[in-house]
C-alpha atoms as a PDB file:
ATOM      1  CA  MET A   1      57.652  85.210  61.854  1.00  0.00           C
ATOM      2  CA  ARG A   2      57.588  82.573  64.344  1.00  0.00           C
ATOM      3  CA  ARG A   3      60.600  81.234  63.350  1.00  0.00           C
ATOM      4  CA  ARG A   4      62.312  84.808  63.895  1.00  0.00           C
ATOM      5  CA  ALA A   5      60.900  85.238  67.185  1.00  0.00           C
ATOM      6  CA  LEU A   6      62.386  82.019  68.369  1.00  0.00           C
ATOM      7  CA  THR A   7      65.554  82.441  67.092  1.00  0.00           C
ATOM      8  CA  LEU A   8      65.898  85.584  68.558  1.00  0.00           C
ATOM      9  CA  LEU A   9      64.595  83.804  72.251  1.00  0.00           C
ATOM     10  CA  GLY A  10      67.624  81.459  71.685  1.00  0.00           C
ATOM     11  CA  LEU A  11      70.335  84.402  71.062  1.00  0.00           C
ATOM     12  CA  LEU A  12      68.817  86.094  74.536  1.00  0.00           C
ATOM     13  CA  ALA A  13      69.320  83.449  76.496  1.00  0.00           C
ATOM     14  CA  ALA A  14      72.532  82.079  75.086  1.00  0.00           C
ATOM     15  CA  ALA A  15      73.605  85.508  76.520  1.00  0.00           C
ATOM     16  CA  PRO A  16      75.711  85.089  79.386  1.00  0.00           C
ATOM     17  CA  ALA A  17      73.775  86.836  82.587  1.00  0.00           C
ATOM     18  CA  ARG A  18      75.614  88.856  85.017  1.00  0.00           C
ATOM     19  CA  ALA A  19      74.720  88.604  88.292  1.00  0.00           C
ATOM     20  CA  HIS A  20      75.077  90.812  91.016  1.00  0.00           C
ATOM     21  CA  SER A  21      77.693  90.352  94.442  1.00  0.00           C
ATOM     22  CA  GLU A  22      76.348  88.509  96.710  1.00  0.00           C
ATOM     23  CA  LEU A  23      77.211  87.846 100.672  1.00  0.00           C
ATOM     24  CA  ARG A  24      79.557  85.038 100.753  1.00  0.00           C
ATOM     25  CA  ARG A  25      79.746  84.366 104.432  1.00  0.00           C
ATOM     26  CA  SER A  26      79.991  86.615 107.535  1.00  0.00           C
ATOM     27  CA  VAL A  27      81.573  87.065 110.681  1.00  0.00           C
ATOM     28  CA  PRO A  28      79.153  86.205 112.662  1.00  0.00           C
ATOM     29  CA  ALA A  29      77.252  83.867 110.729  1.00  0.00           C
ATOM     30  CA  ALA A  30      73.656  84.133 110.057  1.00  0.00           C
ATOM     31  CA  GLY A  31      71.985  82.657 112.809  1.00  0.00           C
ATOM     32  CA  ALA A  32      74.865  82.150 115.056  1.00  0.00           C
ATOM     33  CA  VAL A  33      74.628  81.910 118.654  1.00  0.00           C
ATOM     34  CA  LEU A  34      77.053  83.484 120.629  1.00  0.00           C
ATOM     35  CA  ARG A  35      78.360  82.989 124.397  1.00  0.00           C
ATOM     36  CA  ALA A  36      80.185  86.266 123.984  1.00  0.00           C
ATOM     37  CA  SER A  37      79.984  90.216 122.626  1.00  0.00           C
ATOM     38  CA  PRO A  38      81.499  89.947 118.486  1.00  0.00           C
ATOM     39  CA  GLU A  39      84.390  92.377 118.432  1.00  0.00           C
ATOM     40  CA  ARG A  40      83.313  93.082 114.937  1.00  0.00           C
ATOM     41  CA  ILE A  41      80.699  92.387 111.836  1.00  0.00           C
ATOM     42  CA  GLU A  42      82.644  90.689 109.009  1.00  0.00           C
ATOM     43  CA  LEU A  43      80.649  90.931 105.408  1.00  0.00           C
ATOM     44  CA  HIS A  44      82.521  89.076 102.465  1.00  0.00           C
ATOM     45  CA  PHE A  45      81.504  89.233  98.821  1.00  0.00           C
ATOM     46  CA  ASN A  46      82.292  87.182  95.901  1.00  0.00           C
ATOM     47  CA  GLU A  47      83.891  90.314  94.279  1.00  0.00           C
ATOM     48  CA  ARG A  48      84.712  94.211  94.952  1.00  0.00           C
ATOM     49  CA  VAL A  49      81.704  95.891  96.038  1.00  0.00           C
ATOM     50  CA  GLN A  50      80.731  99.295  97.964  1.00  0.00           C
ATOM     51  CA  LEU A  51      79.580  99.313 101.267  1.00  0.00           C
ATOM     52  CA  THR A  52      76.885 102.178 101.538  1.00  0.00           C
ATOM     53  CA  ALA A  53      74.755 101.018 104.665  1.00  0.00           C
ATOM     54  CA  LEU A  54      75.746  98.816 107.578  1.00  0.00           C
ATOM     55  CA  ARG A  55      72.751  99.173 110.665  1.00  0.00           C
ATOM     56  CA  LEU A  56      72.779  96.801 113.570  1.00  0.00           C
ATOM     57  CA  PHE A  57      69.546  96.607 115.259  1.00  0.00           C
ATOM     58  CA  GLY A  58      69.260  94.404 119.216  1.00  0.00           C
ATOM     59  CA  PRO A  59      66.627  94.294 121.502  1.00  0.00           C
ATOM     60  CA  GLY A  60      64.065  95.556 121.102  1.00  0.00           C
ATOM     61  CA  ASN A  61      64.749  96.659 117.752  1.00  0.00           C
ATOM     62  CA  ALA A  62      67.092  99.841 118.999  1.00  0.00           C
ATOM     63  CA  GLU A  63      69.344 100.902 116.893  1.00  0.00           C
ATOM     64  CA  VAL A  64      73.161 100.396 117.871  1.00  0.00           C
ATOM     65  CA  MET A  65      75.788 103.245 116.845  1.00  0.00           C
ATOM     66  CA  LEU A  66      78.465 102.185 114.475  1.00  0.00           C
ATOM     67  CA  PRO A  67      81.494 103.692 113.340  1.00  0.00           C
ATOM     68  CA  ARG A  68      81.600 105.674 110.149  1.00  0.00           C
ATOM     69  CA  ARG A  69      84.297 104.287 107.463  1.00  0.00           C
ATOM     70  CA  PRO A  70      84.692 105.622 103.967  1.00  0.00           C
ATOM     71  CA  ILE A  71      83.035 103.919 101.306  1.00  0.00           C
ATOM     72  CA  ARG A  72      85.912 101.827  99.280  1.00  0.00           C
ATOM     73  CA  GLU A  73      85.241  99.148  97.342  1.00  0.00           C
ATOM     74  CA  ALA A  74      86.195  96.252  98.348  1.00  0.00           C
ATOM     75  CA  ALA A  75      85.689  92.166  98.767  1.00  0.00           C
ATOM     76  CA  THR A  76      85.469  92.339 102.552  1.00  0.00           C
ATOM     77  CA  GLU A  77      84.326  95.236 104.783  1.00  0.00           C
ATOM     78  CA  ALA A  78      84.907  94.709 108.740  1.00  0.00           C
ATOM     79  CA  ILE A  79      83.128  97.502 111.193  1.00  0.00           C
ATOM     80  CA  ALA A  80      84.385  97.643 114.608  1.00  0.00           C
ATOM     81  CA  LEU A  81      81.298  97.110 117.109  1.00  0.00           C
ATOM     82  CA  PRO A  82      80.781  98.612 120.670  1.00  0.00           C
ATOM     83  CA  PRO A  83      80.374  95.911 123.338  1.00  0.00           C
ATOM     84  CA  LEU A  84      76.840  94.227 122.884  1.00  0.00           C
ATOM     85  CA  PRO A  85      74.288  92.883 126.098  1.00  0.00           C
ATOM     86  CA  PRO A  86      72.846  89.763 125.425  1.00  0.00           C
ATOM     87  CA  GLY A  87      69.523  89.216 123.104  1.00  0.00           C
ATOM     88  CA  ALA A  88      68.950  88.962 119.564  1.00  0.00           C
ATOM     89  CA  TYR A  89      70.617  91.250 116.872  1.00  0.00           C
ATOM     90  CA  ARG A  90      70.395  92.094 112.880  1.00  0.00           C
ATOM     91  CA  ALA A  91      72.686  93.082 110.587  1.00  0.00           C
ATOM     92  CA  GLU A  92      71.107  95.299 107.371  1.00  0.00           C
ATOM     93  CA  TRP A  93      73.454  95.649 104.868  1.00  0.00           C
ATOM     94  CA  ARG A  94      73.596  97.856 101.273  1.00  0.00           C
ATOM     95  CA  ILE A  95      76.308  97.509  98.756  1.00  0.00           C
ATOM     96  CA  ILE A  96      76.543  98.741  95.148  1.00  0.00           C
ATOM     97  CA  SER A  97      77.263  95.503  93.338  1.00  0.00           C
ATOM     98  CA  ALA A  98      80.360  95.697  90.614  1.00  0.00           C
ATOM     99  CA  ASP A  99      77.728  96.134  87.637  1.00  0.00           C
ATOM    100  CA  GLY A 100      76.107  99.611  89.391  1.00  0.00           C
ATOM    101  CA  HIS A 101      73.090  98.137  91.075  1.00  0.00           C
ATOM    102  CA  PRO A 102      72.238  98.392  94.539  1.00  0.00           C
ATOM    103  CA  VAL A 103      72.005  94.904  97.005  1.00  0.00           C
ATOM    104  CA  GLY A 104      71.233  94.427 100.187  1.00  0.00           C
ATOM    105  CA  GLY A 105      70.408  91.968 102.840  1.00  0.00           C
ATOM    106  CA  SER A 106      70.207  91.037 106.529  1.00  0.00           C
ATOM    107  CA  ILE A 107      72.372  88.935 109.100  1.00  0.00           C
ATOM    108  CA  SER A 108      70.950  87.604 112.058  1.00  0.00           C
ATOM    109  CA  PHE A 109      72.819  86.790 115.167  1.00  0.00           C
ATOM    110  CA  ARG A 110      72.200  86.218 119.363  1.00  0.00           C
ATOM    111  CA  VAL A 111      74.171  87.084 122.039  1.00  0.00           C
ATOM    112  CA  GLU A 112      73.474  84.402 125.008  1.00  0.00           C
ATOM    113  CA  PRO A 113      73.974  85.842 128.920  1.00  0.00           C
ATOM    114  CA  PRO A 114      77.104  84.438 129.847  1.00  0.00           C
ATOM    115  CA  ALA A 115      77.132  81.208 132.075  1.00  0.00           C
ATOM    116  CA  PRO A 116      76.984  80.777 135.835  1.00  0.00           C
END
Protein backbone atom coordinates (compact mmCIF):
# COMPACT_ATOMS: atom_id res chain seq x y z
CA MET A 1 0.00 0.00 0.00
CA ARG A 2 2.78 2.43 0.91
CA ARG A 3 4.59 1.70 -2.36
CA ARG A 4 1.44 2.38 -4.39
CA ALA A 5 0.92 5.71 -2.56
CA LEU A 6 4.52 6.73 -3.26
CA THR A 7 4.14 5.79 -6.94
CA LEU A 8 0.94 7.84 -7.22
CA LEU A 9 2.60 10.79 -5.49
CA GLY A 10 5.52 10.57 -7.92
CA LEU A 11 3.18 10.56 -10.93
CA LEU A 12 1.32 13.60 -9.64
CA ALA A 13 4.55 15.47 -9.03
CA ALA A 14 5.73 14.66 -12.56
CA ALA A 15 2.53 15.96 -14.19
CA PRO A 16 3.03 19.40 -15.76
CA ALA A 17 1.60 22.18 -13.64
CA ARG A 18 -0.65 24.65 -15.40
CA ALA A 19 0.24 28.13 -14.21
CA HIS A 20 -2.24 30.99 -14.09
CA SER A 21 -1.74 34.07 -16.23
CA GLU A 22 0.50 36.71 -14.75
CA LEU A 23 1.18 40.38 -15.22
CA ARG A 24 4.65 40.73 -16.76
CA ARG A 25 4.89 44.52 -16.75
CA SER A 26 2.83 47.67 -16.57
CA VAL A 27 3.02 51.30 -17.62
CA PRO A 28 3.36 53.05 -15.26
CA ALA A 29 5.53 50.44 -13.57
CA ALA A 30 4.68 49.37 -10.03
CA GLY A 31 6.26 51.85 -7.63
CA ALA A 32 6.91 54.47 -10.34
CA VAL A 33 7.23 58.12 -9.36
CA LEU A 34 6.08 60.27 -12.28
CA ARG A 35 6.70 63.96 -12.95
CA ALA A 36 3.55 64.20 -15.09
CA SER A 37 0.19 62.50 -15.24
CA PRO A 38 0.34 59.30 -17.35
CA GLU A 39 -1.83 59.29 -20.47
CA ARG A 40 -2.82 55.64 -20.01
CA ILE A 41 -2.35 52.47 -18.01
CA GLU A 42 -0.90 49.53 -19.91
CA LEU A 43 -1.07 45.97 -18.58
CA HIS A 44 1.12 43.35 -20.30
CA PHE A 45 0.36 39.71 -19.46
CA ASN A 46 2.27 36.52 -20.31
CA GLU A 47 -0.66 35.26 -22.42
CA ARG A 48 -4.06 36.28 -23.73
CA VAL A 49 -6.48 37.09 -20.91
CA GLN A 50 -9.84 38.77 -20.43
CA LEU A 51 -9.56 41.96 -18.39
CA THR A 52 -12.84 41.98 -16.45
CA ALA A 53 -12.17 44.91 -14.12
CA LEU A 54 -9.80 47.84 -13.74
CA ARG A 55 -10.32 50.38 -10.98
CA LEU A 56 -8.08 53.32 -10.16
CA PHE A 57 -7.97 54.91 -6.71
CA GLY A 58 -6.25 58.23 -6.06
CA PRO A 59 -5.61 60.62 -3.18
CA GLY A 60 -7.95 60.01 -0.27
CA ASN A 61 -8.79 56.60 -1.79
CA ALA A 62 -11.20 58.35 -4.20
CA GLU A 63 -12.04 56.29 -7.27
CA VAL A 64 -11.04 57.79 -10.61
CA MET A 65 -13.63 57.04 -13.28
CA LEU A 66 -12.15 55.20 -16.26
CA PRO A 67 -13.68 54.78 -19.71
CA ARG A 68 -15.66 51.60 -20.37
CA ARG A 69 -14.20 49.12 -22.79
CA PRO A 70 -15.37 45.81 -24.17
CA ILE A 71 -14.09 42.61 -22.59
CA ARG A 72 -11.88 40.83 -25.11
CA GLU A 73 -9.01 38.38 -25.16
CA ALA A 74 -5.62 40.08 -25.39
CA ALA A 75 -2.15 39.87 -23.89
CA THR A 76 -1.95 43.68 -23.61
CA GLU A 77 -4.55 46.18 -22.48
CA ALA A 78 -4.21 49.97 -22.67
CA ILE A 79 -6.75 52.19 -20.93
CA ALA A 80 -6.79 55.97 -21.38
CA LEU A 81 -6.60 58.05 -18.22
CA PRO A 82 -7.99 61.49 -17.45
CA PRO A 83 -5.42 64.04 -16.22
CA LEU A 84 -4.39 62.96 -12.72
CA PRO A 85 -3.50 65.51 -10.03
CA PRO A 86 -0.42 64.89 -7.87
CA GLY A 87 -0.76 62.12 -5.33
CA ALA A 88 -0.58 58.38 -4.73
CA TYR A 89 -2.56 56.03 -6.99
CA ARG A 90 -3.46 52.34 -6.93
CA ALA A 91 -4.78 50.48 -9.97
CA GLU A 92 -6.60 47.23 -9.13
CA TRP A 93 -7.15 44.74 -11.95
CA ARG A 94 -8.96 41.43 -12.37
CA ILE A 95 -8.68 39.02 -15.27
CA ILE A 96 -9.89 35.63 -16.35
CA SER A 97 -6.73 33.73 -17.20
CA ALA A 98 -6.37 31.43 -20.20
CA ASP A 99 -7.07 28.42 -17.97
CA GLY A 100 -10.37 29.99 -16.86
CA HIS A 101 -9.31 31.01 -13.35
CA PRO A 102 -9.82 34.52 -12.00
CA VAL A 103 -6.59 36.35 -11.11
CA GLY A 104 -6.13 39.85 -9.75
CA GLY A 105 -3.56 42.28 -8.51
CA SER A 106 -2.71 45.93 -8.05
CA ILE A 107 -0.12 48.46 -9.12
CA SER A 108 0.76 51.52 -7.09
CA PHE A 109 2.41 54.64 -8.50
CA ARG A 110 2.78 58.30 -7.59
CA VAL A 111 2.36 61.53 -9.55
CA GLU A 112 4.57 64.30 -8.20
CA PRO A 113 3.75 68.01 -8.44
CA PRO A 114 5.42 69.78 -11.36
CA ALA A 115 8.85 71.21 -10.64
CA PRO A 116 8.86 74.99 -10.09
